[in-house]
Amino acid sequence: MLQNAKRIYALAGYTVEHRAKGWFFKKTYTEDDWHGPYSSETSVSLMLARQLKREIVKRDAVHQLPE
Protein backbone atom coordinates (compact mmCIF):
# COMPACT_ATOMS: atom_id res chain seq x y z
CA MET A 1 0.00 0.00 0.00
CA LEU A 2 1.27 3.46 -0.78
CA GLN A 3 2.11 5.41 2.33
CA ASN A 4 0.54 8.64 1.03
CA ALA A 5 -2.67 6.96 -0.16
CA LYS A 6 -5.86 8.53 1.15
CA ARG A 7 -7.47 6.52 3.96
CA ILE A 8 -10.76 7.45 5.64
CA TYR A 9 -12.11 5.81 8.79
CA ALA A 10 -15.67 5.95 10.13
CA LEU A 11 -15.07 5.80 13.87
CA ALA A 12 -17.28 4.19 16.48
CA GLY A 13 -19.98 6.32 18.07
CA TYR A 14 -19.98 7.06 21.77
CA THR A 15 -22.69 8.00 24.24
CA VAL A 16 -21.89 10.51 26.99
CA GLU A 17 -24.05 10.90 30.07
CA HIS A 18 -23.92 13.32 32.99
CA ARG A 19 -24.83 11.75 36.33
CA ALA A 20 -24.68 12.93 39.93
CA LYS A 21 -21.13 11.52 40.32
CA GLY A 22 -19.80 13.07 37.07
CA TRP A 23 -19.51 12.37 33.34
CA PHE A 24 -19.54 8.82 31.91
CA PHE A 25 -19.13 7.42 28.40
CA LYS A 26 -19.47 4.14 26.50
CA LYS A 27 -19.62 2.89 22.92
CA THR A 28 -23.16 3.50 21.69
CA TYR A 29 -24.06 0.24 19.97
CA THR A 30 -22.27 -2.28 22.18
CA GLU A 31 -22.76 -3.89 25.56
CA ASP A 32 -19.60 -2.07 26.68
CA ASP A 33 -19.35 -0.94 30.30
CA TRP A 34 -19.61 2.74 31.19
CA HIS A 35 -16.28 4.51 31.78
CA GLY A 36 -16.06 7.25 34.39
CA PRO A 37 -16.70 9.28 36.39
CA TYR A 38 -14.92 12.26 34.86
CA SER A 39 -15.10 15.66 36.48
CA SER A 40 -15.92 17.81 33.45
CA GLU A 41 -16.92 17.86 29.81
CA THR A 42 -13.29 18.55 28.98
CA SER A 43 -12.06 15.47 30.86
CA VAL A 44 -14.55 13.11 29.22
CA SER A 45 -13.82 14.64 25.79
CA LEU A 46 -10.09 14.02 26.23
CA MET A 47 -10.77 10.39 27.14
CA LEU A 48 -12.97 10.00 24.05
CA ALA A 49 -10.18 11.47 21.93
CA ARG A 50 -7.74 8.91 23.36
CA GLN A 51 -10.16 6.07 22.57
CA LEU A 52 -10.61 7.33 19.00
CA LYS A 53 -6.83 7.64 18.55
CA ARG A 54 -6.40 3.99 19.63
CA GLU A 55 -9.02 2.96 17.09
CA ILE A 56 -7.31 4.90 14.27
CA VAL A 57 -3.88 3.45 15.13
CA LYS A 58 -5.31 -0.08 15.25
CA ARG A 59 -7.08 0.23 11.91
CA ASP A 60 -4.19 1.97 10.18
CA ALA A 61 -1.55 -0.52 11.38
CA VAL A 62 -2.22 -2.90 8.49
CA HIS A 63 -1.26 -0.16 6.01
CA GLN A 64 2.10 0.71 7.56
CA LEU A 65 5.20 -0.35 5.67
CA PRO A 66 7.73 -2.47 7.56
CA GLU A 67 10.82 -0.57 8.70
C-alpha atoms as a PDB file:
ATOM      1  CA  MET A   1       0.000   0.000   0.000  1.00  0.00           C
ATOM      2  CA  LEU A   2       1.267   3.464  -0.783  1.00  0.00           C
ATOM      3  CA  GLN A   3       2.107   5.410   2.333  1.00  0.00           C
ATOM      4  CA  ASN A   4       0.543   8.639   1.032  1.00  0.00           C
ATOM      5  CA  ALA A   5      -2.672   6.964  -0.157  1.00  0.00           C
ATOM      6  CA  LYS A   6      -5.861   8.530   1.152  1.00  0.00           C
ATOM      7  CA  ARG A   7      -7.465   6.523   3.955  1.00  0.00           C
ATOM      8  CA  ILE A   8     -10.764   7.450   5.639  1.00  0.00           C
ATOM      9  CA  TYR A   9     -12.108   5.806   8.794  1.00  0.00           C
ATOM     10  CA  ALA A  10     -15.666   5.948  10.131  1.00  0.00           C
ATOM     11  CA  LEU A  11     -15.068   5.795  13.871  1.00  0.00           C
ATOM     12  CA  ALA A  12     -17.284   4.188  16.482  1.00  0.00           C
ATOM     13  CA  GLY A  13     -19.982   6.323  18.066  1.00  0.00           C
ATOM     14  CA  TYR A  14     -19.978   7.055  21.772  1.00  0.00           C
ATOM     15  CA  THR A  15     -22.693   8.003  24.237  1.00  0.00           C
ATOM     16  CA  VAL A  16     -21.886  10.507  26.988  1.00  0.00           C
ATOM     17  CA  GLU A  17     -24.052  10.899  30.066  1.00  0.00           C
ATOM     18  CA  HIS A  18     -23.922  13.321  32.994  1.00  0.00           C
ATOM     19  CA  ARG A  19     -24.828  11.747  36.335  1.00  0.00           C
ATOM     20  CA  ALA A  20     -24.678  12.935  39.935  1.00  0.00           C
ATOM     21  CA  LYS A  21     -21.131  11.524  40.316  1.00  0.00           C
ATOM     22  CA  GLY A  22     -19.803  13.070  37.072  1.00  0.00           C
ATOM     23  CA  TRP A  23     -19.505  12.368  33.338  1.00  0.00           C
ATOM     24  CA  PHE A  24     -19.539   8.822  31.910  1.00  0.00           C
ATOM     25  CA  PHE A  25     -19.132   7.422  28.397  1.00  0.00           C
ATOM     26  CA  LYS A  26     -19.467   4.136  26.500  1.00  0.00           C
ATOM     27  CA  LYS A  27     -19.620   2.888  22.921  1.00  0.00           C
ATOM     28  CA  THR A  28     -23.156   3.501  21.687  1.00  0.00           C
ATOM     29  CA  TYR A  29     -24.061   0.245  19.966  1.00  0.00           C
ATOM     30  CA  THR A  30     -22.274  -2.285  22.185  1.00  0.00           C
ATOM     31  CA  GLU A  31     -22.755  -3.890  25.562  1.00  0.00           C
ATOM     32  CA  ASP A  32     -19.598  -2.073  26.679  1.00  0.00           C
ATOM     33  CA  ASP A  33     -19.350  -0.940  30.300  1.00  0.00           C
ATOM     34  CA  TRP A  34     -19.610   2.742  31.189  1.00  0.00           C
ATOM     35  CA  HIS A  35     -16.283   4.510  31.777  1.00  0.00           C
ATOM     36  CA  GLY A  36     -16.062   7.246  34.394  1.00  0.00           C
ATOM     37  CA  PRO A  37     -16.704   9.279  36.386  1.00  0.00           C
ATOM     38  CA  TYR A  38     -14.919  12.263  34.856  1.00  0.00           C
ATOM     39  CA  SER A  39     -15.097  15.660  36.484  1.00  0.00           C
ATOM     40  CA  SER A  40     -15.922  17.808  33.449  1.00  0.00           C
ATOM     41  CA  GLU A  41     -16.923  17.859  29.811  1.00  0.00           C
ATOM     42  CA  THR A  42     -13.289  18.551  28.981  1.00  0.00           C
ATOM     43  CA  SER A  43     -12.061  15.470  30.859  1.00  0.00           C
ATOM     44  CA  VAL A  44     -14.553  13.114  29.220  1.00  0.00           C
ATOM     45  CA  SER A  45     -13.816  14.641  25.794  1.00  0.00           C
ATOM     46  CA  LEU A  46     -10.090  14.019  26.227  1.00  0.00           C
ATOM     47  CA  MET A  47     -10.766  10.390  27.136  1.00  0.00           C
ATOM     48  CA  LEU A  48     -12.968   9.996  24.053  1.00  0.00           C
ATOM     49  CA  ALA A  49     -10.181  11.474  21.930  1.00  0.00           C
ATOM     50  CA  ARG A  50      -7.744   8.906  23.356  1.00  0.00           C
ATOM     51  CA  GLN A  51     -10.165   6.074  22.573  1.00  0.00           C
ATOM     52  CA  LEU A  52     -10.605   7.327  19.004  1.00  0.00           C
ATOM     53  CA  LYS A  53      -6.834   7.636  18.546  1.00  0.00           C
ATOM     54  CA  ARG A  54      -6.400   3.991  19.629  1.00  0.00           C
ATOM     55  CA  GLU A  55      -9.021   2.961  17.090  1.00  0.00           C
ATOM     56  CA  ILE A  56      -7.310   4.900  14.273  1.00  0.00           C
ATOM     57  CA  VAL A  57      -3.880   3.449  15.132  1.00  0.00           C
ATOM     58  CA  LYS A  58      -5.307  -0.077  15.253  1.00  0.00           C
ATOM     59  CA  ARG A  59      -7.085   0.229  11.911  1.00  0.00           C
ATOM     60  CA  ASP A  60      -4.195   1.973  10.182  1.00  0.00           C
ATOM     61  CA  ALA A  61      -1.551  -0.515  11.384  1.00  0.00           C
ATOM     62  CA  VAL A  62      -2.223  -2.902   8.490  1.00  0.00           C
ATOM     63  CA  HIS A  63      -1.258  -0.156   6.010  1.00  0.00           C
ATOM     64  CA  GLN A  64       2.098   0.705   7.559  1.00  0.00           C
ATOM     65  CA  LEU A  65       5.203  -0.347   5.666  1.00  0.00           C
ATOM     66  CA  PRO A  66       7.731  -2.470   7.559  1.00  0.00           C
ATOM     67  CA  GLU A  67      10.821  -0.565   8.704  1.00  0.00           C
END
